[in-house]
Amino acid sequence: MRPEGIKAAKASMKNGTGKAFEEYKSMWEMKMGDLAMKERLSKLAILDTLLAKKEPLSESEEIVKNKLLAQYF
């Protein structure tokens, strides 16, 4: 005997696979947008920290600062 809901789930998969795929695709695109925004905010936070430093920056910090400035401004 099948568990309750299996028959309905199989029927919905036959009829609505395109809809499920579109929902998944939409969710994936939103997730990718969120990740891109988080990455951008993270890089801007690093740039903000480097710009706020009072003491002279090390060579590597200066390279990172220049790279981020070129990327976003």
Protein backbone atom coordinates (compact mmCIF):
# COMPACT_ATOMS: atom_id res chain seq x y z
CA MET A 1 0.00 0.00 0.00
CA ARG A 2 1.30 3.47 -0.90
CA PRO A 3 1.65 6.27 1.64
CA GLU A 4 -0.98 8.97 1.43
CA GLY A 5 -0.26 11.65 -1.16
CA ILE A 6 2.09 9.64 -3.39
CA LYS A 7 -0.49 9.18 -6.13
CA ALA A 8 -1.34 12.89 -6.13
CA ALA A 9 2.34 13.85 -6.17
CA LYS A 10 3.03 11.61 -9.15
CA ALA A 11 0.04 13.03 -11.03
CA SER A 12 1.12 16.60 -10.38
CA MET A 13 4.63 15.82 -11.63
CA LYS A 14 3.24 14.55 -14.93
CA ASN A 15 1.05 17.61 -15.43
CA GLY A 16 3.05 20.48 -13.95
CA THR A 17 6.76 19.88 -14.38
CA GLY A 18 7.16 23.07 -16.42
CA LYS A 19 5.61 25.15 -13.66
CA ALA A 20 7.84 23.59 -10.99
CA PHE A 21 10.91 24.22 -13.14
CA GLU A 22 9.96 27.86 -13.68
CA GLU A 23 9.48 28.33 -9.92
CA TYR A 24 12.85 26.74 -9.24
CA LYS A 25 14.50 28.87 -11.92
CA SER A 26 12.93 32.01 -10.46
CA MET A 27 14.12 31.11 -6.95
CA TRP A 28 17.61 30.36 -8.28
CA GLU A 29 17.82 33.73 -10.03
CA MET A 30 16.74 35.53 -6.85
CA LYS A 31 19.33 33.60 -4.83
CA MET A 32 22.07 34.47 -7.31
CA GLY A 33 21.04 38.14 -7.13
CA ASP A 34 21.19 38.01 -3.34
CA LEU A 35 24.64 36.43 -3.41
CA ALA A 36 25.93 39.05 -5.84
CA MET A 37 24.58 41.83 -3.63
CA LYS A 38 26.16 40.29 -0.51
CA GLU A 39 29.50 40.02 -2.29
CA ARG A 40 29.30 43.65 -3.41
CA LEU A 41 28.43 44.82 0.11
CA SER A 42 31.29 42.79 1.53
CA LYS A 43 33.77 44.35 -0.88
CA LEU A 44 32.44 47.84 -0.16
CA ALA A 45 32.81 47.19 3.58
CA ILE A 46 36.46 46.21 3.01
CA LEU A 47 36.99 49.36 0.95
CA ASP A 48 35.36 51.46 3.67
CA THR A 49 37.69 49.95 6.27
CA LEU A 50 40.74 50.65 4.14
CA LEU A 51 39.69 54.23 3.46
CA ALA A 52 39.03 54.87 7.16
CA LYS A 53 42.50 53.75 8.31
CA LYS A 54 44.57 56.57 9.78
CA GLU A 55 48.01 54.95 9.47
CA PRO A 56 49.61 54.33 6.07
CA LEU A 57 48.42 51.26 4.23
CA SER A 58 50.67 48.32 3.49
CA GLU A 59 51.49 47.54 -0.12
CA SER A 60 48.91 44.74 -0.31
CA GLU A 61 46.21 46.91 1.29
CA GLU A 62 46.97 49.68 -1.20
CA ILE A 63 46.60 47.23 -4.10
CA VAL A 64 43.27 45.98 -2.78
CA LYS A 65 42.04 49.54 -2.24
CA ASN A 66 42.98 50.59 -5.77
CA LYS A 67 41.41 47.48 -7.27
CA LEU A 68 38.11 48.02 -5.41
CA LEU A 69 38.06 51.71 -6.30
CA ALA A 70 38.55 50.86 -9.97
CA GLN A 71 35.86 48.20 -9.83
CA TYR A 72 33.12 50.27 -8.23
CA PHE A 73 33.94 53.90 -9.02
